[in-house]
Amino acid sequence: MLQTFFRNKNISKILKLRLKSTIRDTTLTYASETWTLRKRERKQINISETKVYRRILGPVYDNKKVNWGILTNKEIYAMVKKPTVTETIRLNRLCWFGHIQRMEENIIPKKVLYMNLETTRLRGRPRKRWQEEVREDGRLVVGRGWKKRVYNGEEWKKILRTGSRRILHMPME
């Protein structure tokens, strides 16, 4: 349904971009704060997002080469000026981590986060755990000493807002 809507020439690009962010992105990032994404999954999400942007923005006429062409990823993100879905997932994960850290010790989500399960892991390379992803996100978005800043809720929200501008369209593996 959305594909035909995005291809419709009678609807403005601004409206299409708004609908993309309100319908598709919110659906895609629902409960994303609890995900651990592999490199392949991140890549698939980024590819699908750029495909949608290309469908919305359409081909561009190049005066130098005197022909039509598609936009590169850098050109797309320069035009859109919004964080990618994978960047949004990163910020959601950090926001949820901050919320859990500020909880009291006896609340269930905090107990589950620091719970040690007495199970054996499968053979081979261990899967990335949620806490490892959060650690990596914290280093990328906030920098050094990010764990100490989590406990001040207002400061943490401000850091995440500025962090979203800082990581805007940074290459994701």
N, C-alpha and C. Protein backbone atom coordinates (compact mmCIF):
# COMPACT_ATOMS: atom_id res chain seq x y z
N MET A 1 0.82 -1.19 0.00
CA MET A 1 0.00 0.00 0.00
C MET A 1 0.87 1.26 0.00
N LEU A 2 1.86 1.31 0.87
CA LEU A 2 2.72 2.49 0.94
C LEU A 2 3.57 2.66 -0.31
N GLN A 3 3.93 1.54 -0.96
CA GLN A 3 4.77 1.64 -2.16
C GLN A 3 4.06 2.40 -3.26
N THR A 4 2.79 2.09 -3.47
CA THR A 4 2.04 2.81 -4.51
C THR A 4 1.84 4.27 -4.11
N PHE A 5 1.69 4.50 -2.84
CA PHE A 5 1.55 5.87 -2.34
C PHE A 5 2.84 6.66 -2.57
N PHE A 6 3.99 6.03 -2.30
CA PHE A 6 5.27 6.70 -2.48
C PHE A 6 5.58 6.97 -3.96
N ARG A 7 5.03 6.17 -4.86
CA ARG A 7 5.27 6.35 -6.29
C ARG A 7 4.32 7.37 -6.93
N ASN A 8 3.26 7.74 -6.23
CA ASN A 8 2.25 8.63 -6.78
C ASN A 8 2.85 10.02 -7.02
N LYS A 9 2.74 10.51 -8.24
CA LYS A 9 3.31 11.81 -8.63
C LYS A 9 2.48 12.99 -8.13
N ASN A 10 1.21 12.76 -7.79
CA ASN A 10 0.32 13.84 -7.38
C ASN A 10 0.49 14.23 -5.91
N ILE A 11 1.23 13.45 -5.16
CA ILE A 11 1.44 13.71 -3.73
C ILE A 11 2.83 14.31 -3.55
N SER A 12 2.92 15.35 -2.73
CA SER A 12 4.20 16.04 -2.55
C SER A 12 5.22 15.18 -1.82
N LYS A 13 6.48 15.46 -2.07
CA LYS A 13 7.57 14.72 -1.44
C LYS A 13 7.59 14.95 0.07
N ILE A 14 7.23 16.17 0.49
CA ILE A 14 7.21 16.49 1.92
C ILE A 14 6.20 15.62 2.65
N LEU A 15 5.01 15.47 2.06
CA LEU A 15 3.98 14.63 2.67
C LEU A 15 4.43 13.17 2.70
N LYS A 16 5.05 12.71 1.63
CA LYS A 16 5.55 11.34 1.59
C LYS A 16 6.60 11.10 2.66
N LEU A 17 7.50 12.06 2.85
CA LEU A 17 8.53 11.92 3.88
C LEU A 17 7.93 11.92 5.28
N ARG A 18 6.92 12.75 5.50
CA ARG A 18 6.24 12.77 6.80
C ARG A 18 5.57 11.43 7.09
N LEU A 19 4.88 10.90 6.08
CA LEU A 19 4.21 9.62 6.27
C LEU A 19 5.21 8.49 6.47
N LYS A 20 6.33 8.56 5.78
CA LYS A 20 7.38 7.55 5.98
C LYS A 20 7.85 7.55 7.43
N SER A 21 8.08 8.75 7.97
CA SER A 21 8.58 8.81 9.34
C SER A 21 7.50 8.46 10.36
N THR A 22 6.25 8.81 10.10
CA THR A 22 5.21 8.53 11.09
C THR A 22 4.68 7.11 11.02
N ILE A 23 4.57 6.54 9.83
CA ILE A 23 4.00 5.19 9.72
C ILE A 23 5.09 4.13 9.70
N ARG A 24 5.96 4.21 8.73
CA ARG A 24 6.94 3.14 8.52
C ARG A 24 7.99 3.09 9.63
N ASP A 25 8.57 4.24 9.97
CA ASP A 25 9.66 4.25 10.96
C ASP A 25 9.17 3.89 12.35
N THR A 26 8.00 4.40 12.74
CA THR A 26 7.50 4.06 14.08
C THR A 26 7.13 2.59 14.18
N THR A 27 6.59 2.03 13.09
CA THR A 27 6.27 0.60 13.08
C THR A 27 7.55 -0.23 13.13
N LEU A 28 8.53 0.19 12.37
CA LEU A 28 9.79 -0.55 12.30
C LEU A 28 10.57 -0.51 13.61
N THR A 29 10.50 0.59 14.32
CA THR A 29 11.28 0.72 15.56
C THR A 29 10.49 0.39 16.82
N TYR A 30 9.30 -0.17 16.68
CA TYR A 30 8.50 -0.53 17.84
C TYR A 30 9.25 -1.55 18.70
N ALA A 31 9.44 -1.24 19.96
CA ALA A 31 10.14 -2.09 20.93
C ALA A 31 11.60 -2.34 20.54
N SER A 32 12.19 -1.44 19.78
CA SER A 32 13.56 -1.63 19.31
C SER A 32 14.60 -1.44 20.41
N GLU A 33 14.19 -0.87 21.53
CA GLU A 33 15.15 -0.65 22.61
C GLU A 33 15.65 -1.96 23.22
N THR A 34 14.97 -3.06 22.92
CA THR A 34 15.38 -4.34 23.49
C THR A 34 16.08 -5.23 22.47
N TRP A 35 16.30 -4.75 21.27
CA TRP A 35 16.91 -5.57 20.23
C TRP A 35 18.43 -5.59 20.32
N THR A 36 19.00 -6.68 19.85
CA THR A 36 20.43 -6.72 19.55
C THR A 36 20.52 -7.02 18.06
N LEU A 37 21.10 -6.12 17.32
CA LEU A 37 21.17 -6.25 15.86
C LEU A 37 22.53 -6.75 15.42
N ARG A 38 22.50 -7.70 14.50
CA ARG A 38 23.74 -8.14 13.88
C ARG A 38 24.08 -7.18 12.75
N LYS A 39 25.30 -7.29 12.26
CA LYS A 39 25.78 -6.44 11.18
C LYS A 39 24.88 -6.59 9.95
N ARG A 40 24.51 -7.82 9.65
CA ARG A 40 23.67 -8.10 8.49
C ARG A 40 22.29 -7.45 8.62
N GLU A 41 21.71 -7.53 9.82
CA GLU A 41 20.39 -6.94 10.04
C GLU A 41 20.44 -5.42 9.92
N ARG A 42 21.50 -4.81 10.47
CA ARG A 42 21.66 -3.36 10.33
C ARG A 42 21.73 -2.96 8.86
N LYS A 43 22.51 -3.73 8.11
CA LYS A 43 22.68 -3.45 6.69
C LYS A 43 21.35 -3.57 5.96
N GLN A 44 20.56 -4.60 6.25
CA GLN A 44 19.27 -4.80 5.60
C GLN A 44 18.31 -3.65 5.92
N ILE A 45 18.32 -3.20 7.17
CA ILE A 45 17.45 -2.08 7.56
C ILE A 45 17.86 -0.82 6.80
N ASN A 46 19.17 -0.55 6.74
CA ASN A 46 19.66 0.64 6.03
C ASN A 46 19.35 0.57 4.53
N ILE A 47 19.48 -0.61 3.94
CA ILE A 47 19.18 -0.77 2.51
C ILE A 47 17.71 -0.50 2.25
N SER A 48 16.84 -1.08 3.07
CA SER A 48 15.40 -0.88 2.85
C SER A 48 15.03 0.60 3.02
N GLU A 49 15.68 1.26 3.96
CA GLU A 49 15.38 2.68 4.18
C GLU A 49 15.81 3.53 2.98
N THR A 50 17.00 3.28 2.45
CA THR A 50 17.44 4.06 1.30
C THR A 50 16.60 3.76 0.07
N LYS A 51 16.10 2.53 -0.05
CA LYS A 51 15.20 2.20 -1.17
C LYS A 51 13.92 3.03 -1.09
N VAL A 52 13.39 3.15 0.11
CA VAL A 52 12.17 3.95 0.29
C VAL A 52 12.45 5.41 -0.03
N TYR A 53 13.57 5.94 0.45
CA TYR A 53 13.92 7.33 0.14
C TYR A 53 14.08 7.54 -1.36
N ARG A 54 14.72 6.59 -2.04
CA ARG A 54 14.88 6.72 -3.49
C ARG A 54 13.53 6.69 -4.20
N ARG A 55 12.62 5.88 -3.71
CA ARG A 55 11.29 5.81 -4.30
C ARG A 55 10.54 7.13 -4.09
N ILE A 56 10.71 7.72 -2.91
CA ILE A 56 10.02 8.98 -2.60
C ILE A 56 10.64 10.14 -3.38
N LEU A 57 11.96 10.25 -3.34
CA LEU A 57 12.63 11.40 -3.95
C LEU A 57 12.74 11.29 -5.47
N GLY A 58 12.71 10.07 -5.97
CA GLY A 58 12.71 9.87 -7.42
C GLY A 58 14.06 10.14 -8.06
N PRO A 59 14.12 10.02 -9.40
CA PRO A 59 15.37 10.29 -10.10
C PRO A 59 15.67 11.78 -10.16
N VAL A 60 16.95 12.10 -10.35
CA VAL A 60 17.38 13.49 -10.39
C VAL A 60 18.07 13.75 -11.73
N TYR A 61 17.79 14.92 -12.30
CA TYR A 61 18.41 15.28 -13.57
C TYR A 61 19.77 15.92 -13.31
N ASP A 62 20.80 15.40 -13.94
CA ASP A 62 22.17 15.89 -13.78
C ASP A 62 22.51 16.78 -14.98
N ASN A 63 22.71 18.07 -14.73
CA ASN A 63 23.00 19.02 -15.81
C ASN A 63 24.37 18.80 -16.43
N LYS A 64 25.34 18.35 -15.64
CA LYS A 64 26.70 18.15 -16.16
C LYS A 64 26.74 16.99 -17.16
N LYS A 65 26.12 15.88 -16.79
CA LYS A 65 26.13 14.70 -17.66
C LYS A 65 24.95 14.71 -18.64
N VAL A 66 24.03 15.61 -18.44
CA VAL A 66 22.83 15.75 -19.26
C VAL A 66 22.06 14.42 -19.34
N ASN A 67 21.80 13.85 -18.16
CA ASN A 67 20.97 12.65 -18.10
C ASN A 67 20.37 12.49 -16.70
N TRP A 68 19.49 11.52 -16.56
CA TRP A 68 18.84 11.25 -15.28
C TRP A 68 19.67 10.23 -14.50
N GLY A 69 19.65 10.36 -13.19
CA GLY A 69 20.37 9.41 -12.34
C GLY A 69 19.71 9.29 -10.99
N ILE A 70 20.16 8.30 -10.22
CA ILE A 70 19.62 8.13 -8.88
C ILE A 70 20.53 8.85 -7.88
N LEU A 71 19.98 9.15 -6.74
CA LEU A 71 20.74 9.82 -5.69
C LEU A 71 21.63 8.83 -4.96
N THR A 72 22.81 9.27 -4.56
CA THR A 72 23.67 8.43 -3.73
C THR A 72 23.17 8.51 -2.29
N ASN A 73 23.65 7.62 -1.45
CA ASN A 73 23.23 7.62 -0.05
C ASN A 73 23.57 8.94 0.64
N LYS A 74 24.76 9.47 0.37
CA LYS A 74 25.17 10.74 0.98
C LYS A 74 24.24 11.87 0.56
N GLU A 75 23.87 11.89 -0.71
CA GLU A 75 22.96 12.93 -1.21
C GLU A 75 21.58 12.80 -0.57
N ILE A 76 21.12 11.56 -0.42
CA ILE A 76 19.81 11.33 0.20
C ILE A 76 19.80 11.87 1.62
N TYR A 77 20.79 11.47 2.42
CA TYR A 77 20.80 11.87 3.82
C TYR A 77 21.10 13.35 4.00
N ALA A 78 21.79 13.96 3.04
CA ALA A 78 22.00 15.41 3.09
C ALA A 78 20.68 16.15 2.86
N MET A 79 19.82 15.58 2.02
CA MET A 79 18.52 16.19 1.75
C MET A 79 17.55 15.98 2.91
N VAL A 80 17.55 14.79 3.47
CA VAL A 80 16.55 14.42 4.48
C VAL A 80 16.87 15.03 5.84
N LYS A 81 18.13 15.00 6.26
CA LYS A 81 18.59 15.54 7.54
C LYS A 81 17.86 14.95 8.75
N LYS A 82 17.66 13.64 8.73
CA LYS A 82 17.06 12.92 9.85
C LYS A 82 17.93 11.71 10.15
N PRO A 83 17.92 11.24 11.40
CA PRO A 83 18.71 10.04 11.70
C PRO A 83 18.13 8.81 11.00
N THR A 84 18.99 7.88 10.67
CA THR A 84 18.54 6.64 10.05
C THR A 84 17.80 5.81 11.08
N VAL A 85 17.16 4.75 10.62
CA VAL A 85 16.42 3.87 11.53
C VAL A 85 17.38 3.19 12.50
N THR A 86 18.55 2.78 12.02
CA THR A 86 19.51 2.12 12.91
C THR A 86 20.05 3.10 13.96
N GLU A 87 20.19 4.35 13.60
CA GLU A 87 20.61 5.36 14.58
C GLU A 87 19.51 5.59 15.61
N THR A 88 18.27 5.58 15.16
CA THR A 88 17.13 5.73 16.07
C THR A 88 17.07 4.55 17.04
N ILE A 89 17.33 3.36 16.53
CA ILE A 89 17.35 2.16 17.39
C ILE A 89 18.43 2.30 18.45
N ARG A 90 19.60 2.79 18.06
CA ARG A 90 20.69 3.02 19.01
C ARG A 90 20.27 3.97 20.12
N LEU A 91 19.65 5.09 19.74
CA LEU A 91 19.22 6.08 20.73
C LEU A 91 18.11 5.54 21.62
N ASN A 92 17.20 4.76 21.06
CA ASN A 92 16.14 4.14 21.86
C ASN A 92 16.73 3.19 22.90
N ARG A 93 17.73 2.44 22.48
CA ARG A 93 18.38 1.49 23.39
C ARG A 93 19.04 2.23 24.56
N LEU A 94 19.73 3.33 24.25
CA LEU A 94 20.38 4.12 25.31
C LEU A 94 19.35 4.77 26.22
N CYS A 95 18.25 5.22 25.66
CA CYS A 95 17.20 5.84 26.46
C CYS A 95 16.61 4.82 27.45
N TRP A 96 16.36 3.60 26.97
CA TRP A 96 15.82 2.55 27.82
C TRP A 96 16.83 2.15 28.90
N PHE A 97 18.10 2.09 28.54
CA PHE A 97 19.13 1.76 29.52
C PHE A 97 19.17 2.81 30.63
N GLY A 98 19.10 4.08 30.25
CA GLY A 98 19.08 5.14 31.26
C GLY A 98 17.89 5.03 32.17
N HIS A 99 16.74 4.68 31.60
CA HIS A 99 15.52 4.52 32.39
C HIS A 99 15.68 3.38 33.40
N ILE A 100 16.25 2.27 32.96
CA ILE A 100 16.45 1.12 33.85
C ILE A 100 17.45 1.46 34.95
N GLN A 101 18.52 2.15 34.61
CA GLN A 101 19.55 2.49 35.59
C GLN A 101 19.00 3.37 36.70
N ARG A 102 18.06 4.23 36.38
CA ARG A 102 17.50 5.14 37.39
C ARG A 102 16.41 4.49 38.24
N MET A 103 16.04 3.24 37.91
CA MET A 103 15.03 2.52 38.69
C MET A 103 15.61 2.07 40.03
N GLU A 104 14.70 1.75 40.95
CA GLU A 104 15.13 1.19 42.23
C GLU A 104 15.62 -0.24 42.01
N GLU A 105 16.41 -0.73 42.96
CA GLU A 105 17.05 -2.04 42.80
C GLU A 105 16.05 -3.20 42.77
N ASN A 106 14.89 -3.07 43.41
CA ASN A 106 13.97 -4.19 43.51
C ASN A 106 12.95 -4.25 42.36
N ILE A 107 13.03 -3.37 41.39
CA ILE A 107 12.11 -3.38 40.26
C ILE A 107 12.54 -4.49 39.28
N ILE A 108 11.58 -5.19 38.71
CA ILE A 108 11.84 -6.38 37.89
C ILE A 108 12.77 -6.10 36.69
N PRO A 109 12.55 -5.06 35.88
CA PRO A 109 13.46 -4.88 34.74
C PRO A 109 14.92 -4.73 35.14
N LYS A 110 15.17 -4.08 36.26
CA LYS A 110 16.56 -3.91 36.70
C LYS A 110 17.12 -5.24 37.21
N LYS A 111 16.30 -6.02 37.88
CA LYS A 111 16.74 -7.34 38.32
C LYS A 111 17.09 -8.22 37.13
N VAL A 112 16.24 -8.18 36.10
CA VAL A 112 16.46 -9.00 34.91
C VAL A 112 17.73 -8.58 34.18
N LEU A 113 17.99 -7.29 34.13
CA LEU A 113 19.17 -6.78 33.42
C LEU A 113 20.46 -7.32 34.03
N TYR A 114 20.52 -7.40 35.35
CA TYR A 114 21.74 -7.83 36.01
C TYR A 114 21.68 -9.27 36.52
N MET A 115 20.71 -10.03 36.04
CA MET A 115 20.54 -11.42 36.45
C MET A 115 21.60 -12.29 35.77
N ASN A 116 22.16 -13.23 36.51
CA ASN A 116 23.09 -14.20 35.95
C ASN A 116 22.37 -15.53 35.81
N LEU A 117 22.22 -15.99 34.59
CA LEU A 117 21.59 -17.28 34.34
C LEU A 117 22.65 -18.36 34.36
N GLU A 118 22.35 -19.45 35.01
CA GLU A 118 23.29 -20.56 35.10
C GLU A 118 23.04 -21.53 33.96
N THR A 119 23.31 -21.09 32.75
CA THR A 119 23.14 -21.95 31.59
C THR A 119 24.45 -21.98 30.81
N THR A 120 24.57 -22.98 29.95
CA THR A 120 25.75 -23.06 29.10
C THR A 120 25.42 -22.43 27.76
N ARG A 121 26.39 -21.76 27.19
CA ARG A 121 26.20 -21.13 25.89
C ARG A 121 26.50 -22.14 24.79
N LEU A 122 25.98 -21.86 23.63
CA LEU A 122 26.21 -22.72 22.48
C LEU A 122 27.66 -22.66 22.03
N ARG A 123 28.06 -23.67 21.25
CA ARG A 123 29.42 -23.68 20.71
C ARG A 123 29.58 -22.57 19.70
N GLY A 124 30.82 -22.19 19.48
CA GLY A 124 31.12 -21.16 18.48
C GLY A 124 31.19 -19.78 19.10
N ARG A 125 31.19 -18.80 18.22
CA ARG A 125 31.28 -17.42 18.68
C ARG A 125 30.01 -17.04 19.43
N PRO A 126 30.15 -16.47 20.63
CA PRO A 126 28.96 -16.10 21.39
C PRO A 126 28.23 -14.93 20.74
N ARG A 127 26.91 -14.95 20.83
CA ARG A 127 26.12 -13.85 20.31
C ARG A 127 26.34 -12.60 21.15
N LYS A 128 26.18 -11.47 20.51
CA LYS A 128 26.35 -10.21 21.21
C LYS A 128 25.18 -10.03 22.17
N ARG A 129 25.48 -9.68 23.39
CA ARG A 129 24.44 -9.47 24.39
C ARG A 129 23.98 -8.03 24.36
N TRP A 130 22.80 -7.81 24.94
CA TRP A 130 22.21 -6.49 24.93
C TRP A 130 23.10 -5.47 25.62
N GLN A 131 23.68 -5.86 26.74
CA GLN A 131 24.54 -4.94 27.48
C GLN A 131 25.79 -4.57 26.68
N GLU A 132 26.30 -5.49 25.89
CA GLU A 132 27.46 -5.19 25.04
C GLU A 132 27.09 -4.16 23.97
N GLU A 133 25.89 -4.32 23.41
CA GLU A 133 25.41 -3.35 22.41
C GLU A 133 25.25 -1.97 23.04
N VAL A 134 24.70 -1.93 24.25
CA VAL A 134 24.50 -0.65 24.93
C VAL A 134 25.85 0.00 25.23
N ARG A 135 26.82 -0.80 25.65
CA ARG A 135 28.16 -0.27 25.91
C ARG A 135 28.75 0.36 24.65
N GLU A 136 28.61 -0.34 23.54
CA GLU A 136 29.12 0.17 22.26
C GLU A 136 28.38 1.45 21.85
N ASP A 137 27.05 1.45 22.02
CA ASP A 137 26.25 2.64 21.69
C ASP A 137 26.64 3.82 22.55
N GLY A 138 26.86 3.57 23.84
CA GLY A 138 27.23 4.64 24.76
C GLY A 138 28.55 5.28 24.37
N ARG A 139 29.52 4.45 23.99
CA ARG A 139 30.81 4.99 23.56
C ARG A 139 30.68 5.79 22.27
N LEU A 140 29.86 5.32 21.35
CA LEU A 140 29.70 6.02 20.07
C LEU A 140 28.94 7.34 20.22
N VAL A 141 27.85 7.31 20.96
CA VAL A 141 26.98 8.47 21.03
C VAL A 141 27.47 9.51 22.03
N VAL A 142 27.83 9.06 23.22
CA VAL A 142 28.16 9.99 24.30
C VAL A 142 29.65 10.18 24.47
N GLY A 143 30.41 9.11 24.40
CA GLY A 143 31.85 9.21 24.60
C GLY A 143 32.25 8.65 25.95
N ARG A 144 33.37 9.11 26.46
CA ARG A 144 33.88 8.61 27.74
C ARG A 144 33.02 9.06 28.91
N GLY A 145 32.98 8.21 29.92
CA GLY A 145 32.25 8.54 31.15
C GLY A 145 30.75 8.59 30.98
N TRP A 146 30.23 7.86 30.02
CA TRP A 146 28.79 7.95 29.74
C TRP A 146 27.96 7.25 30.81
N LYS A 147 28.50 6.21 31.47
CA LYS A 147 27.72 5.47 32.47
C LYS A 147 27.42 6.32 33.71
N LYS A 148 28.29 7.25 34.05
CA LYS A 148 28.07 8.10 35.22
C LYS A 148 26.98 9.12 34.96
N ARG A 149 26.83 9.53 33.70
CA ARG A 149 25.84 10.56 33.36
C ARG A 149 24.41 10.03 33.30
N VAL A 150 24.25 8.73 33.27
CA VAL A 150 22.94 8.11 33.13
C VAL A 150 22.03 8.44 34.30
N TYR A 151 22.57 8.60 35.48
CA TYR A 151 21.76 8.74 36.69
C TYR A 151 21.06 10.09 36.79
N ASN A 152 21.51 11.09 36.08
CA ASN A 152 20.82 12.37 36.04
C ASN A 152 19.91 12.37 34.81
N GLY A 153 18.61 12.21 35.03
CA GLY A 153 17.65 12.04 33.95
C GLY A 153 17.60 13.20 32.96
N GLU A 154 17.57 14.42 33.47
CA GLU A 154 17.50 15.59 32.57
C GLU A 154 18.77 15.73 31.73
N GLU A 155 19.92 15.53 32.36
CA GLU A 155 21.18 15.61 31.63
C GLU A 155 21.26 14.51 30.57
N TRP A 156 20.77 13.30 30.92
CA TRP A 156 20.81 12.18 30.00
C TRP A 156 19.94 12.45 28.76
N LYS A 157 18.76 13.02 28.97
CA LYS A 157 17.89 13.36 27.84
C LYS A 157 18.55 14.39 26.94
N LYS A 158 19.20 15.37 27.54
CA LYS A 158 19.89 16.40 26.77
C LYS A 158 21.05 15.79 25.98
N ILE A 159 21.79 14.89 26.60
CA ILE A 159 22.90 14.22 25.94
C ILE A 159 22.41 13.41 24.74
N LEU A 160 21.30 12.70 24.91
CA LEU A 160 20.78 11.89 23.81
C LEU A 160 20.27 12.78 22.67
N ARG A 161 19.69 13.92 23.00
CA ARG A 161 19.24 14.84 21.95
C ARG A 161 20.44 15.37 21.15
N THR A 162 21.48 15.78 21.85
CA THR A 162 22.67 16.27 21.14
C THR A 162 23.42 15.12 20.49
N GLY A 163 23.37 13.95 21.10
CA GLY A 163 24.01 12.77 20.52
C GLY A 163 23.36 12.37 19.21
N SER A 164 22.05 12.59 19.11
CA SER A 164 21.36 12.24 17.86
C SER A 164 21.85 13.14 16.73
N ARG A 165 22.23 14.36 17.04
CA ARG A 165 22.78 15.25 16.02
C ARG A 165 24.22 14.86 15.70
N ARG A 166 24.93 14.35 16.72
CA ARG A 166 26.34 14.02 16.53
C ARG A 166 26.53 12.76 15.69
N ILE A 167 25.66 11.76 15.87
CA ILE A 167 25.84 10.52 15.13
C ILE A 167 25.07 10.52 13.82
N LEU A 168 24.50 11.65 13.47
CA LEU A 168 23.67 11.73 12.28
C LEU A 168 24.41 11.18 11.06
N HIS A 169 23.93 10.07 10.57
CA HIS A 169 24.42 9.42 9.35
C HIS A 169 25.87 9.01 9.41
N MET A 170 26.24 8.51 10.57
CA MET A 170 27.59 8.00 10.67
C MET A 170 27.56 6.56 10.13
N PRO A 171 28.61 6.11 9.50
CA PRO A 171 28.57 4.78 8.87
C PRO A 171 28.34 3.68 9.88
N MET A 172 27.38 2.83 9.58
CA MET A 172 27.06 1.69 10.44
C MET A 172 27.57 0.42 9.79
N GLU A 173 28.25 -0.41 10.58
CA GLU A 173 28.75 -1.66 10.01
C GLU A 173 27.64 -2.64 9.89
